PDB file of N, CA and C in Angstrom:
ATOM      1  N   MET A   1     -67.361  57.258 147.463  1.00  0.00           N
ATOM      2  CA  MET A   1     -66.261  58.109 147.856  1.00  0.00           C
ATOM      3  C   MET A   1     -66.298  58.293 149.367  1.00  0.00           C
ATOM      4  N   PRO A   2     -65.190  58.187 150.023  1.00  0.00           N
ATOM      5  CA  PRO A   2     -65.181  58.258 151.483  1.00  0.00           C
ATOM      6  C   PRO A   2     -65.409  59.650 152.066  1.00  0.00           C
ATOM      7  N   ILE A   3     -65.265  60.719 151.281  1.00  0.00           N
ATOM      8  CA  ILE A   3     -65.523  62.065 151.793  1.00  0.00           C
ATOM      9  C   ILE A   3     -66.928  62.484 151.362  1.00  0.00           C
ATOM     10  N   ILE A   4     -67.766  62.763 152.334  1.00  0.00           N
ATOM     11  CA  ILE A   4     -69.147  63.180 152.096  1.00  0.00           C
ATOM     12  C   ILE A   4     -69.234  64.689 152.331  1.00  0.00           C
ATOM     13  N   VAL A   5     -69.855  65.398 151.407  1.00  0.00           N
ATOM     14  CA  VAL A   5     -70.028  66.844 151.530  1.00  0.00           C
ATOM     15  C   VAL A   5     -71.456  67.116 151.992  1.00  0.00           C
ATOM     16  N   ASN A   6     -71.586  67.723 153.160  1.00  0.00           N
ATOM     17  CA  ASN A   6     -72.889  68.020 153.754  1.00  0.00           C
ATOM     18  C   ASN A   6     -73.262  69.486 153.612  1.00  0.00           C
ATOM     19  N   LEU A   7     -72.845  70.099 152.512  1.00  0.00           N
ATOM     20  CA  LEU A   7     -73.135  71.506 152.302  1.00  0.00           C
ATOM     21  C   LEU A   7     -74.635  71.766 152.205  1.00  0.00           C
ATOM     22  N   ASP A   8     -75.354  70.862 151.573  1.00  0.00           N
ATOM     23  CA  ASP A   8     -76.805  71.033 151.449  1.00  0.00           C
ATOM     24  C   ASP A   8     -77.485  71.019 152.819  1.00  0.00           C
ATOM     25  N   VAL A   9     -76.972  70.221 153.739  1.00  0.00           N
ATOM     26  CA  VAL A   9     -77.525  70.165 155.100  1.00  0.00           C
ATOM     27  C   VAL A   9     -77.312  71.507 155.809  1.00  0.00           C
ATOM     28  N   MET A  10     -76.089  72.043 155.683  1.00  0.00           N
ATOM     29  CA  MET A  10     -75.796  73.320 156.337  1.00  0.00           C
ATOM     30  C   MET A  10     -76.592  74.455 155.710  1.00  0.00           C
ATOM     31  N   LEU A  11     -76.775  74.415 154.394  1.00  0.00           N
ATOM     32  CA  LEU A  11     -77.588  75.438 153.741  1.00  0.00           C
ATOM     33  C   LEU A  11     -79.029  75.380 154.255  1.00  0.00           C
ATOM     34  N   ALA A  12     -79.560  74.188 154.405  1.00  0.00           N
ATOM     35  CA  ALA A  12     -80.926  74.033 154.901  1.00  0.00           C
ATOM     36  C   ALA A  12     -81.038  74.521 156.345  1.00  0.00           C
ATOM     37  N   ARG A  13     -80.048  74.200 157.168  1.00  0.00           N
ATOM     38  CA  ARG A  13     -80.077  74.643 158.569  1.00  0.00           C
ATOM     39  C   ARG A  13     -80.035  76.158 158.683  1.00  0.00           C
ATOM     40  N   ARG A  14     -79.327  76.788 157.769  1.00  0.00           N
ATOM     41  CA  ARG A  14     -79.195  78.249 157.798  1.00  0.00           C
ATOM     42  C   ARG A  14     -80.267  78.937 156.947  1.00  0.00           C
ATOM     43  N   LYS A  15     -81.141  78.104 156.336  1.00  0.00           N
ATOM     44  CA  LYS A  15     -82.206  78.625 155.466  1.00  0.00           C
ATOM     45  C   LYS A  15     -81.630  79.560 154.406  1.00  0.00           C
ATOM     46  N   MET A  16     -80.582  79.080 153.750  1.00  0.00           N
ATOM     47  CA  MET A  16     -79.885  79.865 152.746  1.00  0.00           C
ATOM     48  C   MET A  16     -79.896  79.123 151.416  1.00  0.00           C
ATOM     49  N   LYS A  17     -79.964  79.860 150.340  1.00  0.00           N
ATOM     50  CA  LYS A  17     -79.932  79.263 149.017  1.00  0.00           C
ATOM     51  C   LYS A  17     -78.496  79.212 148.510  1.00  0.00           C
ATOM     52  N   LEU A  18     -78.242  78.245 147.643  1.00  0.00           N
ATOM     53  CA  LEU A  18     -76.917  78.046 147.071  1.00  0.00           C
ATOM     54  C   LEU A  18     -76.424  79.318 146.383  1.00  0.00           C
ATOM     55  N   ASN A  19     -77.287  79.970 145.618  1.00  0.00           N
ATOM     56  CA  ASN A  19     -76.879  81.181 144.895  1.00  0.00           C
ATOM     57  C   ASN A  19     -76.492  82.304 145.848  1.00  0.00           C
ATOM     58  N   ASP A  20     -77.193  82.415 146.961  1.00  0.00           N
ATOM     59  CA  ASP A  20     -76.865  83.450 147.944  1.00  0.00           C
ATOM     60  C   ASP A  20     -75.501  83.188 148.574  1.00  0.00           C
ATOM     61  N   LEU A  21     -75.229  81.933 148.894  1.00  0.00           N
ATOM     62  CA  LEU A  21     -73.927  81.573 149.464  1.00  0.00           C
ATOM     63  C   LEU A  21     -72.826  81.827 148.449  1.00  0.00           C
ATOM     64  N   ALA A  22     -73.045  81.412 147.219  1.00  0.00           N
ATOM     65  CA  ALA A  22     -72.036  81.604 146.170  1.00  0.00           C
ATOM     66  C   ALA A  22     -71.696  83.075 146.011  1.00  0.00           C
ATOM     67  N   GLU A  23     -72.717  83.920 145.997  1.00  0.00           N
ATOM     68  CA  GLU A  23     -72.488  85.356 145.841  1.00  0.00           C
ATOM     69  C   GLU A  23     -71.713  85.934 147.022  1.00  0.00           C
ATOM     70  N   SER A  24     -72.078  85.537 148.222  1.00  0.00           N
ATOM     71  CA  SER A  24     -71.420  86.098 149.404  1.00  0.00           C
ATOM     72  C   SER A  24     -70.000  85.571 149.588  1.00  0.00           C
ATOM     73  N   VAL A  25     -69.717  84.377 149.053  1.00  0.00           N
ATOM     74  CA  VAL A  25     -68.381  83.795 149.177  1.00  0.00           C
ATOM     75  C   VAL A  25     -67.487  84.217 148.007  1.00  0.00           C
ATOM     76  N   GLY A  26     -68.117  84.583 146.887  1.00  0.00           N
ATOM     77  CA  GLY A  26     -67.337  85.038 145.741  1.00  0.00           C
ATOM     78  C   GLY A  26     -66.924  83.938 144.785  1.00  0.00           C
ATOM     79  N   ILE A  27     -67.723  82.865 144.707  1.00  0.00           N
ATOM     80  CA  ILE A  27     -67.480  81.831 143.707  1.00  0.00           C
ATOM     81  C   ILE A  27     -68.752  81.641 142.889  1.00  0.00           C
ATOM     82  N   THR A  28     -68.611  80.983 141.756  1.00  0.00           N
ATOM     83  CA  THR A  28     -69.780  80.816 140.895  1.00  0.00           C
ATOM     84  C   THR A  28     -70.726  79.774 141.489  1.00  0.00           C
ATOM     85  N   PRO A  29     -72.016  79.930 141.243  1.00  0.00           N
ATOM     86  CA  PRO A  29     -72.970  78.911 141.698  1.00  0.00           C
ATOM     87  C   PRO A  29     -72.660  77.533 141.113  1.00  0.00           C
ATOM     88  N   GLN A  30     -72.125  77.498 139.903  1.00  0.00           N
ATOM     89  CA  GLN A  30     -71.785  76.219 139.281  1.00  0.00           C
ATOM     90  C   GLN A  30     -70.671  75.511 140.058  1.00  0.00           C
ATOM     91  N   ASN A  31     -69.636  76.255 140.446  1.00  0.00           N
ATOM     92  CA  ASN A  31     -68.548  75.650 141.222  1.00  0.00           C
ATOM     93  C   ASN A  31     -69.027  75.206 142.596  1.00  0.00           C
ATOM     94  N   LEU A  32     -69.890  75.977 143.208  1.00  0.00           N
ATOM     95  CA  LEU A  32     -70.436  75.597 144.505  1.00  0.00           C
ATOM     96  C   LEU A  32     -71.329  74.370 144.377  1.00  0.00           C
ATOM     97  N   SER A  33     -72.041  74.267 143.272  1.00  0.00           N
ATOM     98  CA  SER A  33     -72.885  73.103 143.020  1.00  0.00           C
ATOM     99  C   SER A  33     -72.044  71.836 142.859  1.00  0.00           C
ATOM    100  N   VAL A  34     -70.906  71.956 142.191  1.00  0.00           N
ATOM    101  CA  VAL A  34     -69.999  70.813 142.034  1.00  0.00           C
ATOM    102  C   VAL A  34     -69.532  70.341 143.407  1.00  0.00           C
ATOM    103  N   LEU A  35     -69.231  71.275 144.279  1.00  0.00           N
ATOM    104  CA  LEU A  35     -68.824  70.919 145.640  1.00  0.00           C
ATOM    105  C   LEU A  35     -69.980  70.274 146.386  1.00  0.00           C
ATOM    106  N   LYS A  36     -71.158  70.859 146.286  1.00  0.00           N
ATOM    107  CA  LYS A  36     -72.330  70.366 147.011  1.00  0.00           C
ATOM    108  C   LYS A  36     -72.700  68.941 146.622  1.00  0.00           C
ATOM    109  N   THR A  37     -72.554  68.613 145.350  1.00  0.00           N
ATOM    110  CA  THR A  37     -72.918  67.273 144.881  1.00  0.00           C
ATOM    111  C   THR A  37     -71.828  66.235 145.137  1.00  0.00           C
ATOM    112  N   GLY A  38     -70.700  66.670 145.677  1.00  0.00           N
ATOM    113  CA  GLY A  38     -69.625  65.732 145.983  1.00  0.00           C
ATOM    114  C   GLY A  38     -68.764  65.378 144.797  1.00  0.00           C
ATOM    115  N   LYS A  39     -68.880  66.115 143.700  1.00  0.00           N
ATOM    116  CA  LYS A  39     -68.105  65.818 142.498  1.00  0.00           C
ATOM    117  C   LYS A  39     -66.786  66.573 142.442  1.00  0.00           C
ATOM    118  N   ALA A  40     -66.555  67.469 143.386  1.00  0.00           N
ATOM    119  CA  ALA A  40     -65.308  68.234 143.414  1.00  0.00           C
ATOM    120  C   ALA A  40     -64.154  67.330 143.823  1.00  0.00           C
ATOM    121  N   LYS A  41     -63.007  67.538 143.215  1.00  0.00           N
ATOM    122  CA  LYS A  41     -61.805  66.769 143.551  1.00  0.00           C
ATOM    123  C   LYS A  41     -60.984  67.461 144.632  1.00  0.00           C
ATOM    124  N   ALA A  42     -61.205  68.766 144.809  1.00  0.00           N
ATOM    125  CA  ALA A  42     -60.434  69.533 145.788  1.00  0.00           C
ATOM    126  C   ALA A  42     -61.211  70.791 146.152  1.00  0.00           C
ATOM    127  N   ILE A  43     -60.796  71.406 147.249  1.00  0.00           N
ATOM    128  CA  ILE A  43     -61.344  72.704 147.653  1.00  0.00           C
ATOM    129  C   ILE A  43     -60.209  73.498 148.274  1.00  0.00           C
ATOM    130  N   ARG A  44     -60.124  74.748 147.905  1.00  0.00           N
ATOM    131  CA  ARG A  44     -59.106  75.627 148.490  1.00  0.00           C
ATOM    132  C   ARG A  44     -59.484  75.929 149.938  1.00  0.00           C
ATOM    133  N   PHE A  45     -58.477  76.000 150.784  1.00  0.00           N
ATOM    134  CA  PHE A  45     -58.742  76.337 152.180  1.00  0.00           C
ATOM    135  C   PHE A  45     -59.378  77.711 152.290  1.00  0.00           C
ATOM    136  N   SER A  46     -59.006  78.633 151.417  1.00  0.00           N
ATOM    137  CA  SER A  46     -59.601  79.969 151.475  1.00  0.00           C
ATOM    138  C   SER A  46     -61.100  79.907 151.161  1.00  0.00           C
ATOM    139  N   THR A  47     -61.491  79.041 150.233  1.00  0.00           N
ATOM    140  CA  THR A  47     -62.906  78.865 149.911  1.00  0.00           C
ATOM    141  C   THR A  47     -63.638  78.209 151.074  1.00  0.00           C
ATOM    142  N   LEU A  48     -63.038  77.175 151.644  1.00  0.00           N
ATOM    143  CA  LEU A  48     -63.637  76.495 152.792  1.00  0.00           C
ATOM    144  C   LEU A  48     -63.779  77.462 153.965  1.00  0.00           C
ATOM    145  N   GLU A  49     -62.766  78.282 154.175  1.00  0.00           N
ATOM    146  CA  GLU A  49     -62.819  79.277 155.251  1.00  0.00           C
ATOM    147  C   GLU A  49     -63.967  80.261 155.025  1.00  0.00           C
ATOM    148  N   ALA A  50     -64.123  80.732 153.790  1.00  0.00           N
ATOM    149  CA  ALA A  50     -65.189  81.691 153.485  1.00  0.00           C
ATOM    150  C   ALA A  50     -66.567  81.059 153.665  1.00  0.00           C
ATOM    151  N   ILE A  51     -66.715  79.803 153.255  1.00  0.00           N
ATOM    152  CA  ILE A  51     -67.992  79.101 153.423  1.00  0.00           C
ATOM    153  C   ILE A  51     -68.308  78.933 154.908  1.00  0.00           C
ATOM    154  N   CYS A  52     -67.307  78.502 155.677  1.00  0.00           N
ATOM    155  CA  CYS A  52     -67.518  78.309 157.119  1.00  0.00           C
ATOM    156  C   CYS A  52     -67.835  79.625 157.812  1.00  0.00           C
ATOM    157  N   GLN A  53     -67.166  80.692 157.394  1.00  0.00           N
ATOM    158  CA  GLN A  53     -67.427  82.000 157.993  1.00  0.00           C
ATOM    159  C   GLN A  53     -68.856  82.442 157.702  1.00  0.00           C
ATOM    160  N   ARG A  54     -69.283  82.278 156.462  1.00  0.00           N
ATOM    161  CA  ARG A  54     -70.628  82.720 156.062  1.00  0.00           C
ATOM    162  C   ARG A  54     -71.716  81.865 156.712  1.00  0.00           C
ATOM    163  N   LEU A  55     -71.474  80.543 156.831  1.00  0.00           N
ATOM    164  CA  LEU A  55     -72.470  79.638 157.412  1.00  0.00           C
ATOM    165  C   LEU A  55     -72.322  79.506 158.927  1.00  0.00           C
ATOM    166  N   ASP A  56     -71.312  80.170 159.498  1.00  0.00           N
ATOM    167  CA  ASP A  56     -71.042  80.102 160.928  1.00  0.00           C
ATOM    168  C   ASP A  56     -70.959  78.648 161.385  1.00  0.00           C
ATOM    169  N   CYS A  57     -70.021  77.919 160.771  1.00  0.00           N
ATOM    170  CA  CYS A  57     -69.851  76.504 161.090  1.00  0.00           C
ATOM    171  C   CYS A  57     -68.382  76.129 161.035  1.00  0.00           C
ATOM    172  N   GLN A  58     -68.091  74.882 161.333  1.00  0.00           N
ATOM    173  CA  GLN A  58     -66.747  74.340 161.279  1.00  0.00           C
ATOM    174  C   GLN A  58     -66.598  73.497 160.014  1.00  0.00           C
ATOM    175  N   PRO A  59     -65.367  73.301 159.515  1.00  0.00           N
ATOM    176  CA  PRO A  59     -65.172  72.445 158.334  1.00  0.00           C
ATOM    177  C   PRO A  59     -65.761  71.048 158.515  1.00  0.00           C
ATOM    178  N   GLY A  60     -65.717  70.529 159.729  1.00  0.00           N
ATOM    179  CA  GLY A  60     -66.279  69.211 160.004  1.00  0.00           C
ATOM    180  C   GLY A  60     -67.790  69.152 159.892  1.00  0.00           C
ATOM    181  N   ASP A  61     -68.438  70.316 159.918  1.00  0.00           N
ATOM    182  CA  ASP A  61     -69.883  70.358 159.701  1.00  0.00           C
ATOM    183  C   ASP A  61     -70.214  70.165 158.224  1.00  0.00           C
ATOM    184  N   ILE A  62     -69.259  70.467 157.359  1.00  0.00           N
ATOM    185  CA  ILE A  62     -69.466  70.384 155.917  1.00  0.00           C
ATOM    186  C   ILE A  62     -68.878  69.110 155.332  1.00  0.00           C
ATOM    187  N   LEU A  63     -67.699  68.726 155.815  1.00  0.00           N
ATOM    188  CA  LEU A  63     -67.005  67.550 155.284  1.00  0.00           C
ATOM    189  C   LEU A  63     -67.027  66.413 156.297  1.00  0.00           C
ATOM    190  N   GLU A  64     -67.316  65.228 155.818  1.00  0.00           N
ATOM    191  CA  GLU A  64     -67.417  64.047 156.681  1.00  0.00           C
ATOM    192  C   GLU A  64     -66.674  62.887 156.018  1.00  0.00           C
ATOM    193  N   TYR A  65     -65.942  62.132 156.809  1.00  0.00           N
ATOM    194  CA  TYR A  65     -65.230  60.959 156.293  1.00  0.00           C
ATOM    195  C   TYR A  65     -66.012  59.703 156.622  1.00  0.00           C
ATOM    196  N   GLN A  66     -66.312  58.929 155.593  1.00  0.00           N
ATOM    197  CA  GLN A  66     -66.939  57.618 155.766  1.00  0.00           C
ATOM    198  C   GLN A  66     -66.108  56.600 155.007  1.00  0.00           C
ATOM    199  N   PRO A  67     -65.502  55.654 155.711  1.00  0.00           N
ATOM    200  CA  PRO A  67     -64.680  54.657 155.023  1.00  0.00           C
ATOM    201  C   PRO A  67     -65.498  53.900 153.972  1.00  0.00           C
ATOM    202  N   ALA A  68     -64.860  53.570 152.876  1.00  0.00           N
ATOM    203  CA  ALA A  68     -65.516  52.806 151.815  1.00  0.00           C
ATOM    204  C   ALA A  68     -65.834  51.408 152.325  1.00  0.00           C
ATOM    205  N   GLN A  69     -66.969  50.887 151.907  1.00  0.00           N
ATOM    206  CA  GLN A  69     -67.360  49.525 152.272  1.00  0.00           C
ATOM    207  C   GLN A  69     -66.507  48.543 151.460  1.00  0.00           C
ATOM    208  N   PRO A  70     -66.182  47.372 152.014  1.00  0.00           N
ATOM    209  CA  PRO A  70     -65.337  46.396 151.312  1.00  0.00           C
ATOM    210  C   PRO A  70     -65.892  45.970 149.960  1.00  0.00           C
ATOM    211  N   ASP A  71     -67.210  45.949 149.794  1.00  0.00           N
ATOM    212  CA  ASP A  71     -67.795  45.506 148.538  1.00  0.00           C
ATOM    213  C   ASP A  71     -67.967  46.633 147.528  1.00  0.00           C
ATOM    214  N   GLU A  72     -67.596  47.876 147.884  1.00  0.00           N
ATOM    215  CA  GLU A  72     -67.703  49.001 146.966  1.00  0.00           C
ATOM    216  C   GLU A  72     -66.424  49.120 146.148  1.00  0.00           C
ATOM    217  N   PRO A  73     -66.555  49.230 144.824  1.00  0.00           N
ATOM    218  CA  PRO A  73     -65.341  49.416 144.003  1.00  0.00           C
ATOM    219  C   PRO A  73     -64.800  50.824 144.157  1.00  0.00           C
ATOM    220  N   ASP A  74     -63.486  50.984 144.064  1.00  0.00           N
ATOM    221  CA  ASP A  74     -62.878  52.305 144.099  1.00  0.00           C
ATOM    222  C   ASP A  74     -63.133  52.991 142.781  1.00  0.00           C
ATOM    223  N   PRO A  75     -63.389  54.318 142.803  1.00  0.00           N
ATOM    224  CA  PRO A  75     -63.656  55.041 141.548  1.00  0.00           C
ATOM    225  C   PRO A  75     -62.430  55.168 140.687  1.00  0.00           C
TER     226      PRO A  75
END
């Protein structure tokens, strides 16, 4: 998938646990885990805003675009 989610990197930099972030942002740890593993199909801007506010970062610190390699099949 060309969109890489670096939420785990930001959590490590801030020395924060997933459950703590989920609680402070107001979403379930399960939904945040789906986002963290890159399995989410979408994210609300309000959720992204809350995550960025809590982690004191920019959306680009969490989301990264990497073009698919020519030999990789599309999902």
